[in-house]
Amino acid sequence: MKMNWIAAVAALCLLPGAAFAQGGAKPTDAQIAHIAYTAGELDIEAGKQALTITKNKVVKEFAESMVRDHTAVNKQALDLVKKLGVKPEDNDTSKALTKAAAEKRASLAKLSGAAFDKAYVANEIAYHKTVNSALETTLIPSANNAELKSLLQTGLKLFQGHEQHAEHVASELK
Protein backbone atom coordinates (compact mmCIF):
# COMPACT_ATOMS: atom_id res chain seq x y z
CA MET A 1 0.00 0.00 0.00
CA LYS A 2 2.78 2.45 0.92
CA MET A 3 4.56 2.03 -2.41
CA ASN A 4 1.30 2.45 -4.34
CA TRP A 5 0.63 5.72 -2.55
CA ILE A 6 4.18 6.94 -3.11
CA ALA A 7 3.91 6.09 -6.81
CA ALA A 8 0.56 7.88 -6.99
CA VAL A 9 1.93 11.02 -5.35
CA ALA A 10 4.99 10.95 -7.60
CA ALA A 11 2.81 10.65 -10.67
CA LEU A 12 0.49 13.38 -9.44
CA CYS A 13 3.31 15.77 -8.66
CA LEU A 14 4.70 15.24 -12.12
CA LEU A 15 1.27 15.41 -13.74
CA PRO A 16 1.30 19.16 -14.38
CA GLY A 17 4.19 18.89 -16.80
CA ALA A 18 2.90 15.76 -18.49
CA ALA A 19 -0.71 16.88 -18.71
CA PHE A 20 0.06 20.34 -20.00
CA ALA A 21 2.79 19.14 -22.34
CA GLN A 22 0.22 17.11 -24.24
CA GLY A 23 -1.67 20.29 -25.07
CA GLY A 24 1.54 22.18 -25.74
CA ALA A 25 0.91 24.45 -22.74
CA LYS A 26 2.44 24.66 -19.31
CA PRO A 27 0.53 25.19 -16.07
CA THR A 28 -0.57 28.74 -15.45
CA ASP A 29 0.57 30.73 -12.44
CA ALA A 30 -2.94 30.33 -10.98
CA GLN A 31 -2.72 26.54 -11.33
CA ILE A 32 0.83 26.46 -9.96
CA ALA A 33 -0.24 28.54 -6.96
CA HIS A 34 -3.09 26.14 -6.23
CA ILE A 35 -0.93 23.02 -6.59
CA ALA A 36 1.78 24.43 -4.31
CA TYR A 37 -0.75 25.68 -1.75
CA THR A 38 -2.58 22.33 -1.79
CA ALA A 39 0.67 20.41 -1.28
CA GLY A 40 1.41 22.59 1.76
CA GLU A 41 -2.09 22.20 3.20
CA LEU A 42 -1.89 18.44 2.84
CA ASP A 43 1.37 18.35 4.79
CA ILE A 44 -0.18 20.57 7.47
CA GLU A 45 -3.04 18.08 7.79
CA ALA A 46 -0.57 15.17 7.96
CA GLY A 47 1.39 16.96 10.68
CA LYS A 48 -1.75 17.66 12.69
CA GLN A 49 -2.74 14.00 12.40
CA ALA A 50 0.70 12.97 13.65
CA LEU A 51 0.37 15.32 16.61
CA THR A 52 -2.84 13.59 17.67
CA ILE A 53 -1.42 10.05 17.33
CA THR A 54 2.30 9.98 18.11
CA LYS A 55 3.74 9.71 21.59
CA ASN A 56 7.31 9.96 20.28
CA LYS A 57 8.95 13.29 21.20
CA VAL A 58 11.13 13.43 18.06
CA VAL A 59 8.21 12.66 15.74
CA LYS A 60 6.06 15.20 17.58
CA GLU A 61 8.73 17.92 17.16
CA PHE A 62 9.05 17.05 13.48
CA ALA A 63 5.27 17.21 12.97
CA GLU A 64 5.13 20.56 14.77
CA SER A 65 7.80 21.93 12.43
CA MET A 66 5.83 20.69 9.39
CA VAL A 67 2.68 22.44 10.58
CA ARG A 68 4.54 25.64 11.47
CA ASP A 69 6.67 25.88 8.32
CA HIS A 70 3.99 24.93 5.80
CA THR A 71 1.51 27.29 7.47
CA ALA A 72 4.02 30.15 7.15
CA VAL A 73 4.78 29.42 3.48
CA ASN A 74 1.09 29.06 2.65
CA LYS A 75 0.40 32.42 4.31
CA GLN A 76 3.09 33.98 2.15
CA ALA A 77 1.55 32.33 -0.91
CA LEU A 78 -1.92 33.64 -0.08
CA ASP A 79 -0.54 37.12 0.55
CA LEU A 80 1.27 37.02 -2.80
CA VAL A 81 -1.69 35.87 -4.88
CA LYS A 82 -3.84 38.51 -3.19
CA LYS A 83 -1.23 41.19 -3.96
CA LEU A 84 -1.00 40.03 -7.57
CA GLY A 85 -4.74 39.70 -7.98
CA VAL A 86 -4.38 36.06 -9.00
CA LYS A 87 -7.08 33.60 -8.02
CA PRO A 88 -5.58 30.14 -7.41
CA GLU A 89 -7.18 27.74 -9.85
CA ASP A 90 -8.23 24.29 -8.71
CA ASN A 91 -7.12 21.65 -11.19
CA ASP A 92 -6.90 17.91 -11.71
CA THR A 93 -3.49 17.73 -10.04
CA SER A 94 -4.54 19.49 -6.84
CA LYS A 95 -7.75 17.42 -6.71
CA ALA A 96 -5.83 14.16 -7.17
CA LEU A 97 -3.27 15.17 -4.52
CA THR A 98 -6.10 15.87 -2.08
CA LYS A 99 -7.73 12.50 -2.77
CA ALA A 100 -4.46 10.56 -2.39
CA ALA A 101 -3.62 12.39 0.85
CA ALA A 102 -7.04 11.62 2.33
CA GLU A 103 -6.52 7.94 1.55
CA LYS A 104 -3.06 8.04 3.15
CA ARG A 105 -4.37 9.76 6.29
CA ALA A 106 -7.05 7.07 6.56
CA SER A 107 -4.45 4.30 6.36
CA LEU A 108 -2.19 6.04 8.89
CA ALA A 109 -5.14 6.49 11.26
CA LYS A 110 -5.27 2.71 11.63
CA LEU A 111 -1.74 2.63 13.05
CA SER A 112 -0.32 3.53 16.44
CA GLY A 113 2.96 3.58 18.29
CA ALA A 114 6.17 2.79 16.44
CA ALA A 115 4.26 1.51 13.39
CA PHE A 116 2.55 4.88 12.99
CA ASP A 117 5.76 6.83 13.60
CA LYS A 118 7.72 4.88 10.98
CA ALA A 119 4.90 5.04 8.40
CA TYR A 120 4.33 8.77 8.96
CA VAL A 121 8.01 9.65 8.67
CA ALA A 122 8.51 7.39 5.63
CA ASN A 123 5.56 9.11 4.00
CA GLU A 124 7.02 12.53 4.80
CA ILE A 125 10.30 11.56 3.14
CA ALA A 126 8.55 10.32 0.01
CA TYR A 127 6.15 13.26 -0.07
CA HIS A 128 8.91 15.86 0.20
CA LYS A 129 11.01 14.10 -2.44
CA THR A 130 8.15 14.13 -4.93
CA VAL A 131 7.00 17.68 -4.15
CA ASN A 132 10.60 18.94 -4.33
CA SER A 133 11.02 17.20 -7.68
CA ALA A 134 7.80 18.75 -8.98
CA LEU A 135 8.94 22.18 -7.80
CA GLU A 136 12.32 21.78 -9.53
CA THR A 137 11.18 20.23 -12.78
CA THR A 138 7.71 21.65 -13.40
CA LEU A 139 6.38 24.33 -11.09
CA ILE A 140 9.36 26.69 -10.81
CA PRO A 141 10.30 26.50 -14.52
CA SER A 142 6.65 27.05 -15.52
CA ALA A 143 6.01 30.04 -13.25
CA ASN A 144 5.85 33.30 -15.18
CA ASN A 145 5.62 35.77 -12.32
CA ALA A 146 9.01 36.55 -10.79
CA GLU A 147 7.60 36.88 -7.25
CA LEU A 148 5.79 33.55 -7.51
CA LYS A 149 8.93 31.92 -8.88
CA SER A 150 10.96 33.39 -6.01
CA LEU A 151 8.47 32.14 -3.40
CA LEU A 152 8.56 28.67 -4.96
CA GLN A 153 12.37 28.70 -4.90
CA THR A 154 12.37 29.74 -1.24
CA GLY A 155 9.83 27.02 -0.51
CA LEU A 156 11.99 24.47 -2.31
CA LYS A 157 14.98 25.25 -0.08
CA LEU A 158 12.82 24.94 3.03
CA PHE A 159 11.22 21.69 1.83
CA GLN A 160 14.60 20.19 0.97
CA GLY A 161 15.48 20.86 4.59
CA HIS A 162 12.25 19.08 5.60
CA GLU A 163 13.26 16.06 3.55
CA GLN A 164 16.64 15.94 5.30
CA HIS A 165 14.98 16.42 8.69
CA ALA A 166 12.56 13.56 7.96
CA GLU A 167 15.45 11.31 6.91
CA HIS A 168 17.23 12.13 10.18
CA VAL A 169 14.10 11.34 12.20
CA ALA A 170 13.70 8.06 10.28
CA SER A 171 17.26 7.07 11.18
CA GLU A 172 16.45 7.62 14.87
CA LEU A 173 13.36 5.40 14.65
CA LYS A 174 15.22 2.30 13.48
C-alpha atoms as a PDB file:
ATOM      1  CA  MET A   1       0.000   0.000   0.000  1.00  0.00           C
ATOM      2  CA  LYS A   2       2.779   2.445   0.922  1.00  0.00           C
ATOM      3  CA  MET A   3       4.556   2.034  -2.409  1.00  0.00           C
ATOM      4  CA  ASN A   4       1.295   2.447  -4.336  1.00  0.00           C
ATOM      5  CA  TRP A   5       0.629   5.722  -2.554  1.00  0.00           C
ATOM      6  CA  ILE A   6       4.179   6.935  -3.110  1.00  0.00           C
ATOM      7  CA  ALA A   7       3.910   6.094  -6.806  1.00  0.00           C
ATOM      8  CA  ALA A   8       0.563   7.884  -6.992  1.00  0.00           C
ATOM      9  CA  VAL A   9       1.926  11.020  -5.353  1.00  0.00           C
ATOM     10  CA  ALA A  10       4.990  10.950  -7.597  1.00  0.00           C
ATOM     11  CA  ALA A  11       2.815  10.653 -10.672  1.00  0.00           C
ATOM     12  CA  LEU A  12       0.493  13.380  -9.441  1.00  0.00           C
ATOM     13  CA  CYS A  13       3.306  15.772  -8.661  1.00  0.00           C
ATOM     14  CA  LEU A  14       4.704  15.242 -12.124  1.00  0.00           C
ATOM     15  CA  LEU A  15       1.274  15.410 -13.736  1.00  0.00           C
ATOM     16  CA  PRO A  16       1.296  19.155 -14.380  1.00  0.00           C
ATOM     17  CA  GLY A  17       4.187  18.889 -16.796  1.00  0.00           C
ATOM     18  CA  ALA A  18       2.898  15.761 -18.494  1.00  0.00           C
ATOM     19  CA  ALA A  19      -0.712  16.881 -18.710  1.00  0.00           C
ATOM     20  CA  PHE A  20       0.063  20.344 -20.003  1.00  0.00           C
ATOM     21  CA  ALA A  21       2.793  19.141 -22.339  1.00  0.00           C
ATOM     22  CA  GLN A  22       0.223  17.112 -24.241  1.00  0.00           C
ATOM     23  CA  GLY A  23      -1.674  20.289 -25.065  1.00  0.00           C
ATOM     24  CA  GLY A  24       1.536  22.179 -25.736  1.00  0.00           C
ATOM     25  CA  ALA A  25       0.908  24.454 -22.735  1.00  0.00           C
ATOM     26  CA  LYS A  26       2.445  24.657 -19.312  1.00  0.00           C
ATOM     27  CA  PRO A  27       0.532  25.190 -16.066  1.00  0.00           C
ATOM     28  CA  THR A  28      -0.566  28.744 -15.452  1.00  0.00           C
ATOM     29  CA  ASP A  29       0.574  30.727 -12.437  1.00  0.00           C
ATOM     30  CA  ALA A  30      -2.944  30.335 -10.975  1.00  0.00           C
ATOM     31  CA  GLN A  31      -2.718  26.542 -11.333  1.00  0.00           C
ATOM     32  CA  ILE A  32       0.830  26.461  -9.961  1.00  0.00           C
ATOM     33  CA  ALA A  33      -0.235  28.541  -6.959  1.00  0.00           C
ATOM     34  CA  HIS A  34      -3.094  26.144  -6.232  1.00  0.00           C
ATOM     35  CA  ILE A  35      -0.928  23.017  -6.591  1.00  0.00           C
ATOM     36  CA  ALA A  36       1.776  24.433  -4.308  1.00  0.00           C
ATOM     37  CA  TYR A  37      -0.755  25.675  -1.746  1.00  0.00           C
ATOM     38  CA  THR A  38      -2.582  22.329  -1.792  1.00  0.00           C
ATOM     39  CA  ALA A  39       0.669  20.407  -1.276  1.00  0.00           C
ATOM     40  CA  GLY A  40       1.412  22.587   1.761  1.00  0.00           C
ATOM     41  CA  GLU A  41      -2.090  22.203   3.199  1.00  0.00           C
ATOM     42  CA  LEU A  42      -1.894  18.442   2.844  1.00  0.00           C
ATOM     43  CA  ASP A  43       1.365  18.353   4.790  1.00  0.00           C
ATOM     44  CA  ILE A  44      -0.175  20.571   7.474  1.00  0.00           C
ATOM     45  CA  GLU A  45      -3.043  18.076   7.787  1.00  0.00           C
ATOM     46  CA  ALA A  46      -0.574  15.171   7.961  1.00  0.00           C
ATOM     47  CA  GLY A  47       1.390  16.961  10.678  1.00  0.00           C
ATOM     48  CA  LYS A  48      -1.753  17.656  12.687  1.00  0.00           C
ATOM     49  CA  GLN A  49      -2.736  13.998  12.397  1.00  0.00           C
ATOM     50  CA  ALA A  50       0.696  12.967  13.647  1.00  0.00           C
ATOM     51  CA  LEU A  51       0.374  15.315  16.606  1.00  0.00           C
ATOM     52  CA  THR A  52      -2.839  13.586  17.668  1.00  0.00           C
ATOM     53  CA  ILE A  53      -1.419  10.054  17.334  1.00  0.00           C
ATOM     54  CA  THR A  54       2.301   9.977  18.108  1.00  0.00           C
ATOM     55  CA  LYS A  55       3.743   9.711  21.586  1.00  0.00           C
ATOM     56  CA  ASN A  56       7.311   9.960  20.281  1.00  0.00           C
ATOM     57  CA  LYS A  57       8.952  13.285  21.201  1.00  0.00           C
ATOM     58  CA  VAL A  58      11.135  13.430  18.056  1.00  0.00           C
ATOM     59  CA  VAL A  59       8.206  12.664  15.743  1.00  0.00           C
ATOM     60  CA  LYS A  60       6.058  15.205  17.580  1.00  0.00           C
ATOM     61  CA  GLU A  61       8.726  17.918  17.163  1.00  0.00           C
ATOM     62  CA  PHE A  62       9.050  17.050  13.481  1.00  0.00           C
ATOM     63  CA  ALA A  63       5.271  17.213  12.967  1.00  0.00           C
ATOM     64  CA  GLU A  64       5.134  20.563  14.772  1.00  0.00           C
ATOM     65  CA  SER A  65       7.795  21.925  12.426  1.00  0.00           C
ATOM     66  CA  MET A  66       5.830  20.687   9.385  1.00  0.00           C
ATOM     67  CA  VAL A  67       2.679  22.436  10.575  1.00  0.00           C
ATOM     68  CA  ARG A  68       4.540  25.641  11.469  1.00  0.00           C
ATOM     69  CA  ASP A  69       6.669  25.878   8.320  1.00  0.00           C
ATOM     70  CA  HIS A  70       3.987  24.925   5.799  1.00  0.00           C
ATOM     71  CA  THR A  71       1.512  27.290   7.465  1.00  0.00           C
ATOM     72  CA  ALA A  72       4.021  30.146   7.151  1.00  0.00           C
ATOM     73  CA  VAL A  73       4.780  29.416   3.480  1.00  0.00           C
ATOM     74  CA  ASN A  74       1.088  29.060   2.645  1.00  0.00           C
ATOM     75  CA  LYS A  75       0.395  32.418   4.314  1.00  0.00           C
ATOM     76  CA  GLN A  76       3.093  33.982   2.148  1.00  0.00           C
ATOM     77  CA  ALA A  77       1.555  32.331  -0.911  1.00  0.00           C
ATOM     78  CA  LEU A  78      -1.919  33.640  -0.078  1.00  0.00           C
ATOM     79  CA  ASP A  79      -0.537  37.124   0.550  1.00  0.00           C
ATOM     80  CA  LEU A  80       1.269  37.021  -2.795  1.00  0.00           C
ATOM     81  CA  VAL A  81      -1.694  35.867  -4.881  1.00  0.00           C
ATOM     82  CA  LYS A  82      -3.843  38.513  -3.190  1.00  0.00           C
ATOM     83  CA  LYS A  83      -1.231  41.187  -3.963  1.00  0.00           C
ATOM     84  CA  LEU A  84      -0.999  40.028  -7.574  1.00  0.00           C
ATOM     85  CA  GLY A  85      -4.744  39.702  -7.980  1.00  0.00           C
ATOM     86  CA  VAL A  86      -4.380  36.061  -9.002  1.00  0.00           C
ATOM     87  CA  LYS A  87      -7.078  33.597  -8.021  1.00  0.00           C
ATOM     88  CA  PRO A  88      -5.579  30.139  -7.406  1.00  0.00           C
ATOM     89  CA  GLU A  89      -7.183  27.741  -9.851  1.00  0.00           C
ATOM     90  CA  ASP A  90      -8.229  24.288  -8.712  1.00  0.00           C
ATOM     91  CA  ASN A  91      -7.123  21.648 -11.188  1.00  0.00           C
ATOM     92  CA  ASP A  92      -6.898  17.912 -11.714  1.00  0.00           C
ATOM     93  CA  THR A  93      -3.490  17.729 -10.044  1.00  0.00           C
ATOM     94  CA  SER A  94      -4.537  19.490  -6.837  1.00  0.00           C
ATOM     95  CA  LYS A  95      -7.746  17.423  -6.713  1.00  0.00           C
ATOM     96  CA  ALA A  96      -5.831  14.162  -7.168  1.00  0.00           C
ATOM     97  CA  LEU A  97      -3.271  15.168  -4.518  1.00  0.00           C
ATOM     98  CA  THR A  98      -6.097  15.867  -2.082  1.00  0.00           C
ATOM     99  CA  LYS A  99      -7.733  12.498  -2.774  1.00  0.00           C
ATOM    100  CA  ALA A 100      -4.459  10.560  -2.387  1.00  0.00           C
ATOM    101  CA  ALA A 101      -3.619  12.388   0.846  1.00  0.00           C
ATOM    102  CA  ALA A 102      -7.036  11.620   2.332  1.00  0.00           C
ATOM    103  CA  GLU A 103      -6.520   7.942   1.552  1.00  0.00           C
ATOM    104  CA  LYS A 104      -3.064   8.037   3.153  1.00  0.00           C
ATOM    105  CA  ARG A 105      -4.365   9.763   6.288  1.00  0.00           C
ATOM    106  CA  ALA A 106      -7.050   7.070   6.557  1.00  0.00           C
ATOM    107  CA  SER A 107      -4.450   4.299   6.360  1.00  0.00           C
ATOM    108  CA  LEU A 108      -2.195   6.042   8.894  1.00  0.00           C
ATOM    109  CA  ALA A 109      -5.142   6.487  11.256  1.00  0.00           C
ATOM    110  CA  LYS A 110      -5.272   2.706  11.629  1.00  0.00           C
ATOM    111  CA  LEU A 111      -1.738   2.632  13.045  1.00  0.00           C
ATOM    112  CA  SER A 112      -0.316   3.533  16.438  1.00  0.00           C
ATOM    113  CA  GLY A 113       2.962   3.576  18.288  1.00  0.00           C
ATOM    114  CA  ALA A 114       6.173   2.792  16.442  1.00  0.00           C
ATOM    115  CA  ALA A 115       4.261   1.505  13.395  1.00  0.00           C
ATOM    116  CA  PHE A 116       2.551   4.884  12.986  1.00  0.00           C
ATOM    117  CA  ASP A 117       5.758   6.828  13.596  1.00  0.00           C
ATOM    118  CA  LYS A 118       7.717   4.879  10.981  1.00  0.00           C
ATOM    119  CA  ALA A 119       4.903   5.041   8.401  1.00  0.00           C
ATOM    120  CA  TYR A 120       4.327   8.768   8.964  1.00  0.00           C
ATOM    121  CA  VAL A 121       8.013   9.654   8.673  1.00  0.00           C
ATOM    122  CA  ALA A 122       8.514   7.389   5.625  1.00  0.00           C
ATOM    123  CA  ASN A 123       5.557   9.114   4.001  1.00  0.00           C
ATOM    124  CA  GLU A 124       7.019  12.528   4.796  1.00  0.00           C
ATOM    125  CA  ILE A 125      10.304  11.563   3.141  1.00  0.00           C
ATOM    126  CA  ALA A 126       8.546  10.317   0.009  1.00  0.00           C
ATOM    127  CA  TYR A 127       6.154  13.261  -0.069  1.00  0.00           C
ATOM    128  CA  HIS A 128       8.907  15.861   0.205  1.00  0.00           C
ATOM    129  CA  LYS A 129      11.014  14.095  -2.440  1.00  0.00           C
ATOM    130  CA  THR A 130       8.149  14.134  -4.928  1.00  0.00           C
ATOM    131  CA  VAL A 131       7.004  17.677  -4.146  1.00  0.00           C
ATOM    132  CA  ASN A 132      10.602  18.937  -4.331  1.00  0.00           C
ATOM    133  CA  SER A 133      11.022  17.198  -7.679  1.00  0.00           C
ATOM    134  CA  ALA A 134       7.800  18.746  -8.984  1.00  0.00           C
ATOM    135  CA  LEU A 135       8.943  22.178  -7.802  1.00  0.00           C
ATOM    136  CA  GLU A 136      12.322  21.785  -9.526  1.00  0.00           C
ATOM    137  CA  THR A 137      11.177  20.226 -12.782  1.00  0.00           C
ATOM    138  CA  THR A 138       7.712  21.645 -13.396  1.00  0.00           C
ATOM    139  CA  LEU A 139       6.379  24.331 -11.093  1.00  0.00           C
ATOM    140  CA  ILE A 140       9.360  26.692 -10.805  1.00  0.00           C
ATOM    141  CA  PRO A 141      10.303  26.496 -14.520  1.00  0.00           C
ATOM    142  CA  SER A 142       6.653  27.050 -15.522  1.00  0.00           C
ATOM    143  CA  ALA A 143       6.010  30.040 -13.246  1.00  0.00           C
ATOM    144  CA  ASN A 144       5.848  33.299 -15.181  1.00  0.00           C
ATOM    145  CA  ASN A 145       5.621  35.774 -12.323  1.00  0.00           C
ATOM    146  CA  ALA A 146       9.006  36.554 -10.785  1.00  0.00           C
ATOM    147  CA  GLU A 147       7.599  36.883  -7.249  1.00  0.00           C
ATOM    148  CA  LEU A 148       5.786  33.552  -7.512  1.00  0.00           C
ATOM    149  CA  LYS A 149       8.930  31.916  -8.882  1.00  0.00           C
ATOM    150  CA  SER A 150      10.961  33.390  -6.007  1.00  0.00           C
ATOM    151  CA  LEU A 151       8.474  32.145  -3.396  1.00  0.00           C
ATOM    152  CA  LEU A 152       8.562  28.665  -4.958  1.00  0.00           C
ATOM    153  CA  GLN A 153      12.373  28.703  -4.898  1.00  0.00           C
ATOM    154  CA  THR A 154      12.368  29.738  -1.238  1.00  0.00           C
ATOM    155  CA  GLY A 155       9.833  27.019  -0.507  1.00  0.00           C
ATOM    156  CA  LEU A 156      11.990  24.466  -2.309  1.00  0.00           C
ATOM    157  CA  LYS A 157      14.981  25.254  -0.076  1.00  0.00           C
ATOM    158  CA  LEU A 158      12.822  24.938   3.034  1.00  0.00           C
ATOM    159  CA  PHE A 159      11.222  21.694   1.830  1.00  0.00           C
ATOM    160  CA  GLN A 160      14.598  20.191   0.965  1.00  0.00           C
ATOM    161  CA  GLY A 161      15.478  20.855   4.590  1.00  0.00           C
ATOM    162  CA  HIS A 162      12.252  19.084   5.604  1.00  0.00           C
ATOM    163  CA  GLU A 163      13.259  16.063   3.550  1.00  0.00           C
ATOM    164  CA  GLN A 164      16.644  15.939   5.298  1.00  0.00           C
ATOM    165  CA  HIS A 165      14.984  16.419   8.685  1.00  0.00           C
ATOM    166  CA  ALA A 166      12.559  13.557   7.958  1.00  0.00           C
ATOM    167  CA  GLU A 167      15.453  11.310   6.909  1.00  0.00           C
ATOM    168  CA  HIS A 168      17.229  12.132  10.182  1.00  0.00           C
ATOM    169  CA  VAL A 169      14.100  11.337  12.198  1.00  0.00           C
ATOM    170  CA  ALA A 170      13.703   8.064  10.283  1.00  0.00           C
ATOM    171  CA  SER A 171      17.255   7.075  11.180  1.00  0.00           C
ATOM    172  CA  GLU A 172      16.451   7.624  14.866  1.00  0.00           C
ATOM    173  CA  LEU A 173      13.355   5.403  14.653  1.00  0.00           C
ATOM    174  CA  LYS A 174      15.221   2.301  13.482  1.00  0.00           C
END
